[in-house]
PDB file of N, CA and C in Angstrom:
ATOM      1  N   UNK A   1     128.503 100.512  95.228  1.00  0.00           N
ATOM      2  CA  UNK A   1     128.653  99.490  94.235  1.00  0.00           C
ATOM      3  C   UNK A   1     128.447  98.135  94.130  1.00  0.00           C
ATOM      4  N   UNK A   2     129.152  97.859  95.529  1.00  0.00           N
ATOM      5  CA  UNK A   2     128.589  96.184  96.419  1.00  0.00           C
ATOM      6  C   UNK A   2     127.161  95.968  96.245  1.00  0.00           C
ATOM      7  N   UNK A   3     126.068  97.028  96.926  1.00  0.00           N
ATOM      8  CA  UNK A   3     125.405  96.854  97.520  1.00  0.00           C
ATOM      9  C   UNK A   3     124.299  97.042  96.009  1.00  0.00           C
ATOM     10  N   UNK A   4     124.696  97.618  94.696  1.00  0.00           N
ATOM     11  CA  UNK A   4     124.277  97.551  93.465  1.00  0.00           C
ATOM     12  C   UNK A   4     124.383  96.085  93.197  1.00  0.00           C
ATOM     13  N   UNK A   5     125.450  95.585  93.607  1.00  0.00           N
ATOM     14  CA  UNK A   5     125.728  94.006  92.519  1.00  0.00           C
ATOM     15  C   UNK A   5     124.638  92.927  93.074  1.00  0.00           C
ATOM     16  N   UNK A   6     124.955  93.316  94.645  1.00  0.00           N
ATOM     17  CA  UNK A   6     123.787  92.328  95.550  1.00  0.00           C
ATOM     18  C   UNK A   6     122.447  92.565  95.388  1.00  0.00           C
ATOM     19  N   UNK A   7     121.913  93.541  95.131  1.00  0.00           N
ATOM     20  CA  UNK A   7     120.392  94.030  94.449  1.00  0.00           C
ATOM     21  C   UNK A   7     120.307  93.133  92.985  1.00  0.00           C
ATOM     22  N   UNK A   8     121.347  93.516  92.330  1.00  0.00           N
ATOM     23  CA  UNK A   8     121.032  92.622  91.031  1.00  0.00           C
ATOM     24  C   UNK A   8     120.883  91.503  91.144  1.00  0.00           C
ATOM     25  N   UNK A   9     121.710  90.761  92.022  1.00  0.00           N
ATOM     26  CA  UNK A   9     121.868  89.416  92.154  1.00  0.00           C
ATOM     27  C   UNK A   9     120.247  88.680  92.293  1.00  0.00           C
ATOM     28  N   UNK A  10     120.231  89.799  93.862  1.00  0.00           N
ATOM     29  CA  UNK A  10     118.925  89.463  94.124  1.00  0.00           C
ATOM     30  C   UNK A  10     117.627  89.209  93.085  1.00  0.00           C
ATOM     31  N   UNK A  11     117.388  90.552  92.412  1.00  0.00           N
ATOM     32  CA  UNK A  11     116.220  90.357  91.472  1.00  0.00           C
ATOM     33  C   UNK A  11     116.791  89.949  90.263  1.00  0.00           C
ATOM     34  N   UNK A  12     118.068  88.938  90.195  1.00  0.00           N
ATOM     35  CA  UNK A  12     118.183  88.009  89.047  1.00  0.00           C
ATOM     36  C   UNK A  12     117.421  86.448  89.499  1.00  0.00           C
ATOM     37  N   UNK A  13     117.630  86.508  91.062  1.00  0.00           N
ATOM     38  CA  UNK A  13     117.673  85.084  91.787  1.00  0.00           C
ATOM     39  C   UNK A  13     115.812  84.961  92.192  1.00  0.00           C
ATOM     40  N   UNK A  14     115.119  86.152  92.284  1.00  0.00           N
ATOM     41  CA  UNK A  14     114.111  86.318  92.516  1.00  0.00           C
ATOM     42  C   UNK A  14     113.036  85.365  91.543  1.00  0.00           C
ATOM     43  N   UNK A  15     113.276  85.260  90.286  1.00  0.00           N
ATOM     44  CA  UNK A  15     112.306  84.345  89.837  1.00  0.00           C
ATOM     45  C   UNK A  15     112.416  82.764  90.152  1.00  0.00           C
ATOM     46  N   UNK A  16     113.671  82.654  90.435  1.00  0.00           N
ATOM     47  CA  UNK A  16     113.686  80.909  90.593  1.00  0.00           C
ATOM     48  C   UNK A  16     113.096  80.726  91.830  1.00  0.00           C
ATOM     49  N   UNK A  17     113.425  81.740  92.818  1.00  0.00           N
ATOM     50  CA  UNK A  17     112.683  81.379  93.927  1.00  0.00           C
ATOM     51  C   UNK A  17     111.478  81.639  94.395  1.00  0.00           C
ATOM     52  N   UNK A  18     110.922  82.641  93.331  1.00  0.00           N
ATOM     53  CA  UNK A  18     109.308  82.508  93.451  1.00  0.00           C
ATOM     54  C   UNK A  18     108.750  81.119  92.675  1.00  0.00           C
ATOM     55  N   UNK A  19     109.747  80.782  91.475  1.00  0.00           N
ATOM     56  CA  UNK A  19     109.375  78.919  91.185  1.00  0.00           C
ATOM     57  C   UNK A  19     108.988  78.135  92.544  1.00  0.00           C
ATOM     58  N   UNK A  20     110.219  78.071  93.179  1.00  0.00           N
ATOM     59  CA  UNK A  20     110.320  77.246  94.091  1.00  0.00           C
ATOM     60  C   UNK A  20     109.212  77.509  95.441  1.00  0.00           C
ATOM     61  N   UNK A  21     109.459  78.717  95.757  1.00  0.00           N
ATOM     62  CA  UNK A  21     107.995  78.819  96.440  1.00  0.00           C
ATOM     63  C   UNK A  21     106.371  77.988  95.976  1.00  0.00           C
ATOM     64  N   UNK A  22     106.442  78.538  94.884  1.00  0.00           N
ATOM     65  CA  UNK A  22     105.309  77.813  94.428  1.00  0.00           C
ATOM     66  C   UNK A  22     105.263  76.837  94.089  1.00  0.00           C
ATOM     67  N   UNK A  23     106.035  75.844  93.683  1.00  0.00           N
ATOM     68  CA  UNK A  23     106.340  74.829  93.878  1.00  0.00           C
ATOM     69  C   UNK A  23     106.076  73.837  95.372  1.00  0.00           C
ATOM     70  N   UNK A  24     106.271  74.441  96.153  1.00  0.00           N
ATOM     71  CA  UNK A  24     106.501  74.128  97.587  1.00  0.00           C
ATOM     72  C   UNK A  24     104.817  74.002  97.868  1.00  0.00           C
ATOM     73  N   UNK A  25     103.960  75.115  97.713  1.00  0.00           N
ATOM     74  CA  UNK A  25     102.800  75.334  97.756  1.00  0.00           C
ATOM     75  C   UNK A  25     102.271  74.266  97.556  1.00  0.00           C
ATOM     76  N   UNK A  26     102.855  74.402  96.172  1.00  0.00           N
ATOM     77  CA  UNK A  26     101.498  73.047  95.148  1.00  0.00           C
ATOM     78  C   UNK A  26     101.763  71.721  95.571  1.00  0.00           C
ATOM     79  N   UNK A  27     102.666  71.621  96.356  1.00  0.00           N
ATOM     80  CA  UNK A  27     103.247  70.509  96.983  1.00  0.00           C
ATOM     81  C   UNK A  27     102.546  70.309  98.235  1.00  0.00           C
ATOM     82  N   UNK A  28     102.144  70.992  99.027  1.00  0.00           N
ATOM     83  CA  UNK A  28     101.558  71.004  99.943  1.00  0.00           C
ATOM     84  C   UNK A  28     100.271  71.074 100.192  1.00  0.00           C
ATOM     85  N   UNK A  29      99.473  71.578  98.869  1.00  0.00           N
ATOM     86  CA  UNK A  29      97.896  71.173  98.365  1.00  0.00           C
ATOM     87  C   UNK A  29      97.923  69.880  98.013  1.00  0.00           C
ATOM     88  N   UNK A  30      98.848  69.229  97.927  1.00  0.00           N
ATOM     89  CA  UNK A  30      98.289  67.776  97.022  1.00  0.00           C
ATOM     90  C   UNK A  30      98.073  67.021  98.249  1.00  0.00           C
ATOM     91  N   UNK A  31      97.166  66.341  97.501  1.00  0.00           N
ATOM     92  CA  UNK A  31      96.486  65.041  98.765  1.00  0.00           C
ATOM     93  C   UNK A  31      97.254  63.765  99.264  1.00  0.00           C
ATOM     94  N   UNK A  32      97.682  63.613  98.057  1.00  0.00           N
ATOM     95  CA  UNK A  32      98.787  62.117  98.591  1.00  0.00           C
ATOM     96  C   UNK A  32      99.930  62.618  98.899  1.00  0.00           C
ATOM     97  N   UNK A  33     100.353  63.659  98.576  1.00  0.00           N
ATOM     98  CA  UNK A  33     101.124  64.073  99.492  1.00  0.00           C
ATOM     99  C   UNK A  33     100.955  64.543 100.967  1.00  0.00           C
ATOM    100  N   UNK A  34      99.790  65.172 101.250  1.00  0.00           N
ATOM    101  CA  UNK A  34      99.269  65.109 102.757  1.00  0.00           C
ATOM    102  C   UNK A  34      99.300  64.134 103.296  1.00  0.00           C
ATOM    103  N   UNK A  35      99.129  63.080 102.686  1.00  0.00           N
ATOM    104  CA  UNK A  35      98.620  61.708 103.729  1.00  0.00           C
ATOM    105  C   UNK A  35      99.843  61.261 103.942  1.00  0.00           C
ATOM    106  N   UNK A  36     101.071  61.148 102.989  1.00  0.00           N
ATOM    107  CA  UNK A  36     102.393  60.611 103.301  1.00  0.00           C
ATOM    108  C   UNK A  36     103.038  61.760 104.764  1.00  0.00           C
ATOM    109  N   UNK A  37     102.848  62.953 104.242  1.00  0.00           N
ATOM    110  CA  UNK A  37     103.265  63.626 105.182  1.00  0.00           C
ATOM    111  C   UNK A  37     102.560  63.645 106.317  1.00  0.00           C
ATOM    112  N   UNK A  38     101.531  63.041 106.681  1.00  0.00           N
ATOM    113  CA  UNK A  38     100.671  63.052 108.436  1.00  0.00           C
ATOM    114  C   UNK A  38     101.487  62.084 108.637  1.00  0.00           C
ATOM    115  N   UNK A  39     101.906  61.106 107.822  1.00  0.00           N
ATOM    116  CA  UNK A  39     102.401  59.580 108.452  1.00  0.00           C
ATOM    117  C   UNK A  39     103.854  60.296 108.820  1.00  0.00           C
ATOM    118  N   UNK A  40     104.808  60.799 108.751  1.00  0.00           N
ATOM    119  CA  UNK A  40     105.760  60.936 108.609  1.00  0.00           C
ATOM    120  C   UNK A  40     105.841  62.060 109.914  1.00  0.00           C
ATOM    121  N   UNK A  41     105.339  62.756 110.281  1.00  0.00           N
ATOM    122  CA  UNK A  41     104.989  63.920 111.182  1.00  0.00           C
ATOM    123  C   UNK A  41     104.012  63.167 112.316  1.00  0.00           C
ATOM    124  N   UNK A  42     103.244  62.090 112.372  1.00  0.00           N
ATOM    125  CA  UNK A  42     102.727  61.378 113.335  1.00  0.00           C
ATOM    126  C   UNK A  42     104.028  60.505 114.086  1.00  0.00           C
ATOM    127  N   UNK A  43     104.955  60.402 113.350  1.00  0.00           N
ATOM    128  CA  UNK A  43     106.102  59.849 114.114  1.00  0.00           C
ATOM    129  C   UNK A  43     107.169  60.430 114.674  1.00  0.00           C
ATOM    130  N   UNK A  44     107.213  61.538 114.523  1.00  0.00           N
ATOM    131  CA  UNK A  44     108.034  62.867 115.280  1.00  0.00           C
ATOM    132  C   UNK A  44     107.714  63.515 116.065  1.00  0.00           C
ATOM    133  N   UNK A  45     108.524  63.294 117.447  1.00  0.00           N
ATOM    134  CA  UNK A  45     108.373  63.979 119.044  1.00  0.00           C
ATOM    135  C   UNK A  45     108.033  65.279 118.330  1.00  0.00           C
ATOM    136  N   UNK A  46     107.313  66.373 119.844  1.00  0.00           N
ATOM    137  CA  UNK A  46     106.947  67.020 120.147  1.00  0.00           C
ATOM    138  C   UNK A  46     108.398  68.559 119.449  1.00  0.00           C
ATOM    139  N   UNK A  47     109.312  67.889 120.307  1.00  0.00           N
ATOM    140  CA  UNK A  47     110.525  68.838 119.917  1.00  0.00           C
ATOM    141  C   UNK A  47     110.947  68.703 118.332  1.00  0.00           C
ATOM    142  N   UNK A  48     110.821  67.688 117.841  1.00  0.00           N
ATOM    143  CA  UNK A  48     111.176  67.701 116.394  1.00  0.00           C
ATOM    144  C   UNK A  48     110.160  68.428 115.030  1.00  0.00           C
ATOM    145  N   UNK A  49     108.880  68.464 115.908  1.00  0.00           N
ATOM    146  CA  UNK A  49     107.731  69.555 115.400  1.00  0.00           C
ATOM    147  C   UNK A  49     108.407  70.691 115.290  1.00  0.00           C
ATOM    148  N   UNK A  50     108.388  70.824 116.518  1.00  0.00           N
ATOM    149  CA  UNK A  50     108.699  72.879 116.750  1.00  0.00           C
ATOM    150  C   UNK A  50     110.044  72.724 115.980  1.00  0.00           C
ATOM    151  N   UNK A  51     111.041  71.780 116.022  1.00  0.00           N
ATOM    152  CA  UNK A  51     112.239  72.505 114.939  1.00  0.00           C
ATOM    153  C   UNK A  51     111.753  72.542 113.461  1.00  0.00           C
ATOM    154  N   UNK A  52     110.984  71.669 113.202  1.00  0.00           N
ATOM    155  CA  UNK A  52     110.263  71.808 111.529  1.00  0.00           C
ATOM    156  C   UNK A  52     109.513  73.091 111.686  1.00  0.00           C
ATOM    157  N   UNK A  53     108.568  73.495 112.491  1.00  0.00           N
ATOM    158  CA  UNK A  53     108.043  74.609 112.366  1.00  0.00           C
ATOM    159  C   UNK A  53     108.572  75.894 112.389  1.00  0.00           C
ATOM    160  N   UNK A  54     109.457  75.946 113.261  1.00  0.00           N
ATOM    161  CA  UNK A  54     110.646  76.906 113.356  1.00  0.00           C
ATOM    162  C   UNK A  54     111.049  77.270 112.310  1.00  0.00           C
ATOM    163  N   UNK A  55     112.083  75.958 112.048  1.00  0.00           N
ATOM    164  CA  UNK A  55     112.678  75.864 110.289  1.00  0.00           C
ATOM    165  C   UNK A  55     111.587  76.719 109.167  1.00  0.00           C
ATOM    166  N   UNK A  56     110.674  76.315 109.420  1.00  0.00           N
ATOM    167  CA  UNK A  56     109.569  76.838 108.025  1.00  0.00           C
ATOM    168  C   UNK A  56     109.051  78.361 108.113  1.00  0.00           C
ATOM    169  N   UNK A  57     109.074  78.371 109.501  1.00  0.00           N
ATOM    170  CA  UNK A  57     108.769  80.325 109.416  1.00  0.00           C
ATOM    171  C   UNK A  57     110.257  80.874 109.270  1.00  0.00           C
ATOM    172  N   UNK A  58     111.478  80.305 109.648  1.00  0.00           N
ATOM    173  CA  UNK A  58     112.696  80.960 109.457  1.00  0.00           C
ATOM    174  C   UNK A  58     112.724  81.069 107.612  1.00  0.00           C
ATOM    175  N   UNK A  59     112.450  80.058 106.870  1.00  0.00           N
ATOM    176  CA  UNK A  59     112.310  79.894 105.497  1.00  0.00           C
ATOM    177  C   UNK A  59     111.564  81.225 104.828  1.00  0.00           C
ATOM    178  N   UNK A  60     110.293  81.113 105.504  1.00  0.00           N
ATOM    179  CA  UNK A  60     109.289  81.859 104.911  1.00  0.00           C
ATOM    180  C   UNK A  60     109.750  83.445 105.164  1.00  0.00           C
ATOM    181  N   UNK A  61     110.352  83.617 106.437  1.00  0.00           N
ATOM    182  CA  UNK A  61     110.837  84.831 106.490  1.00  0.00           C
ATOM    183  C   UNK A  61     111.876  85.805 105.953  1.00  0.00           C
ATOM    184  N   UNK A  62     112.623  84.922 105.923  1.00  0.00           N
ATOM    185  CA  UNK A  62     113.954  84.816 104.769  1.00  0.00           C
ATOM    186  C   UNK A  62     113.420  85.134 103.132  1.00  0.00           C
ATOM    187  N   UNK A  63     112.902  84.320 102.826  1.00  0.00           N
ATOM    188  CA  UNK A  63     112.159  84.348 101.125  1.00  0.00           C
ATOM    189  C   UNK A  63     111.372  85.722 101.169  1.00  0.00           C
ATOM    190  N   UNK A  64     110.475  85.825 102.115  1.00  0.00           N
ATOM    191  CA  UNK A  64     109.668  87.610 101.630  1.00  0.00           C
ATOM    192  C   UNK A  64     111.030  88.436 102.045  1.00  0.00           C
ATOM    193  N   UNK A  65     111.894  88.496 103.277  1.00  0.00           N
ATOM    194  CA  UNK A  65     112.901  89.354 103.193  1.00  0.00           C
ATOM    195  C   UNK A  65     113.794  89.433 101.784  1.00  0.00           C
ATOM    196  N   UNK A  66     114.135  88.382 101.144  1.00  0.00           N
ATOM    197  CA  UNK A  66     114.725  88.435  99.644  1.00  0.00           C
ATOM    198  C   UNK A  66     113.680  89.244  98.877  1.00  0.00           C
ATOM    199  N   UNK A  67     112.713  89.120  98.733  1.00  0.00           N
ATOM    200  CA  UNK A  67     111.725  89.507  97.821  1.00  0.00           C
ATOM    201  C   UNK A  67     111.341  91.419  97.882  1.00  0.00           C
ATOM    202  N   UNK A  68     111.331  91.375  98.856  1.00  0.00           N
ATOM    203  CA  UNK A  68     111.476  92.640  99.460  1.00  0.00           C
ATOM    204  C   UNK A  68     112.475  93.768  99.057  1.00  0.00           C
TER     205      UNK A  68
END
C-alpha cells in the first residue's frame, strides 16, 4: 500500500518535473545564457567543473529514474 502511495505521488509530480527539465533544456539552448555560462565556467577550476558535471549527470539519472 505504501508503494502505491509513493507511485501515485511520483506520477503526480512527473508533469512538473518534466516542465522543469524542459525549462532547463530551453535555458541551455539560449545563446545569451550560453555566453554568460561560458564566462562563469571559464573562471572555475578543473575540480569545480568535474563536480558540476558529476552533479548534472546524477540529476539526469535521478530524473530518468523518476520518470521510469
